[in-house]
């Protein structure tokens, strides 16, 4: 006959065996991962590790700083470029803006209507 104490002892042993099984499976998995990492480190040359750990982050930082500098300096360079030639690029830009403004004004409905009537009268 089993007493309540012996039944709880058996349950406790089963519980301990289950926990031990989980711990053993975790240990085996840890050994597998460690073996894969060790093989990877042996196969991968140390220079590649150095490039990944040191050079790659420096390259990313350099690209980010270069982008920030480019974004901040482009307006200054454009203004200096346009103002640098006395009447050179700025005059061409002003002329093109005037021509574009006239073209936009010519697209007004009353102007289009007047041009169409004028063309109709001459034909």
Protein backbone atom coordinates (compact mmCIF):
# COMPACT_ATOMS: atom_id res chain seq x y z
CA UNK A 1 0.00 0.00 0.00
CA UNK A 2 1.20 3.47 -0.81
CA UNK A 3 0.98 6.23 1.67
CA UNK A 4 0.55 9.88 0.79
CA UNK A 5 4.19 10.51 1.78
CA UNK A 6 5.57 7.87 -0.60
CA UNK A 7 3.37 9.13 -3.42
CA UNK A 8 4.67 12.69 -3.01
CA UNK A 9 8.23 11.33 -2.93
CA UNK A 10 7.69 9.54 -6.25
CA UNK A 11 6.17 12.68 -7.73
CA UNK A 12 9.12 14.67 -6.40
CA UNK A 13 11.56 12.23 -7.99
CA UNK A 14 9.71 12.42 -11.29
CA UNK A 15 9.77 16.21 -11.10
CA UNK A 16 13.50 16.19 -10.35
CA UNK A 17 14.13 13.77 -13.23
CA UNK A 18 12.17 16.03 -15.58
CA UNK A 19 14.15 19.10 -14.48
CA UNK A 20 17.38 17.13 -14.83
CA UNK A 21 16.37 16.11 -18.34
CA UNK A 22 15.73 19.73 -19.31
CA UNK A 23 19.07 20.76 -17.83
CA UNK A 24 20.89 17.99 -19.71
CA UNK A 25 19.18 18.94 -22.98
CA UNK A 26 20.15 22.59 -22.42
CA UNK A 27 23.74 21.60 -21.69
CA UNK A 28 23.93 19.48 -24.85
CA UNK A 29 22.47 22.36 -26.88
CA UNK A 30 25.04 24.73 -25.33
CA UNK A 31 27.86 22.37 -26.28
CA UNK A 32 26.51 22.19 -29.84
CA UNK A 33 26.37 25.98 -30.14
CA UNK A 34 29.86 26.31 -28.66
CA UNK A 35 31.19 23.76 -31.15
CA UNK A 36 29.60 25.62 -34.08
CA UNK A 37 31.05 28.91 -32.87
CA UNK A 38 34.48 27.36 -32.40
CA UNK A 39 34.44 25.84 -35.89
CA UNK A 40 33.30 29.18 -37.31
CA UNK A 41 36.14 30.99 -35.59
CA UNK A 42 38.66 28.43 -36.80
CA UNK A 43 37.39 28.55 -40.37
CA UNK A 44 36.99 32.34 -40.50
CA UNK A 45 40.36 34.07 -40.69
CA UNK A 46 41.20 36.50 -37.91
CA UNK A 47 41.49 39.33 -40.44
CA UNK A 48 37.83 38.91 -41.38
CA UNK A 49 36.90 39.13 -37.72
CA UNK A 50 38.97 42.32 -37.41
CA UNK A 51 37.28 43.80 -40.46
CA UNK A 52 33.83 42.93 -39.12
CA UNK A 53 34.49 44.24 -35.62
CA UNK A 54 36.64 47.32 -36.35
CA UNK A 55 36.64 48.43 -39.99
CA UNK A 56 32.95 47.93 -40.78
CA UNK A 57 31.68 50.16 -37.93
CA UNK A 58 34.26 52.82 -38.85
CA UNK A 59 33.08 52.70 -42.46
CA UNK A 60 29.44 53.10 -41.40
CA UNK A 61 30.33 56.04 -39.14
CA UNK A 62 32.34 57.66 -41.94
CA UNK A 63 29.46 57.27 -44.41
CA UNK A 64 27.00 58.76 -41.91
CA UNK A 65 29.26 61.74 -41.19
CA UNK A 66 29.88 62.26 -44.91
CA UNK A 67 26.15 62.33 -45.55
CA UNK A 68 25.59 64.88 -42.77
CA UNK A 69 28.41 67.08 -44.08
CA UNK A 70 27.07 66.85 -47.64
CA UNK A 71 23.55 67.82 -46.55
CA UNK A 72 24.85 70.78 -44.55
CA UNK A 73 27.28 72.11 -47.18
CA UNK A 74 25.21 71.81 -50.37
CA UNK A 75 23.19 75.03 -49.79
CA UNK A 76 26.36 76.99 -49.02
CA UNK A 77 28.14 75.68 -52.11
CA UNK A 78 25.15 76.45 -54.33
CA UNK A 79 24.87 80.03 -53.06
CA UNK A 80 28.61 80.61 -53.48
CA UNK A 81 28.50 79.10 -56.95
CA UNK A 82 25.61 81.31 -58.06
CA UNK A 83 27.07 84.47 -56.51
CA UNK A 84 30.68 83.80 -57.48
CA UNK A 85 30.49 84.83 -61.16
CA UNK A 86 29.38 88.45 -61.28
CA UNK A 87 26.26 88.14 -63.34
CA UNK A 88 27.22 84.71 -64.71
CA UNK A 89 25.05 81.93 -63.36
CA UNK A 90 22.78 84.23 -61.41
CA UNK A 91 21.89 86.16 -64.59
CA UNK A 92 21.13 82.94 -66.47
CA UNK A 93 19.00 81.75 -63.55
CA UNK A 94 17.12 85.07 -63.41
CA UNK A 95 16.52 84.99 -67.19
CA UNK A 96 15.18 81.41 -67.04
CA UNK A 97 12.91 82.31 -64.13
CA UNK A 98 11.53 85.30 -66.08
CA UNK A 99 10.87 83.12 -69.13
CA UNK A 100 9.19 80.47 -66.97
CA UNK A 101 7.08 83.16 -65.29
CA UNK A 102 5.95 84.51 -68.65
CA UNK A 103 5.07 80.99 -69.80
CA UNK A 104 2.95 80.45 -66.70
CA UNK A 105 1.18 83.79 -67.25
CA UNK A 106 0.58 82.86 -70.91
CA UNK A 107 -1.26 79.75 -69.69
CA UNK A 108 -3.93 81.91 -68.04
CA UNK A 109 -7.38 81.12 -69.51
CA UNK A 110 -8.01 84.64 -70.83
CA UNK A 111 -4.65 84.63 -72.64
CA UNK A 112 -5.32 81.25 -74.22
CA UNK A 113 -8.77 82.44 -75.32
CA UNK A 114 -7.32 85.64 -76.81
CA UNK A 115 -4.61 83.73 -78.69
CA UNK A 116 -7.19 81.27 -80.05
CA UNK A 117 -9.43 84.13 -81.29
CA UNK A 118 -6.47 85.88 -82.87
CA UNK A 119 -5.43 82.66 -84.67
CA UNK A 120 -9.02 82.08 -85.79
CA UNK A 121 -9.33 85.61 -87.23
CA UNK A 122 -6.10 85.28 -89.24
CA UNK A 123 -7.05 81.95 -90.79
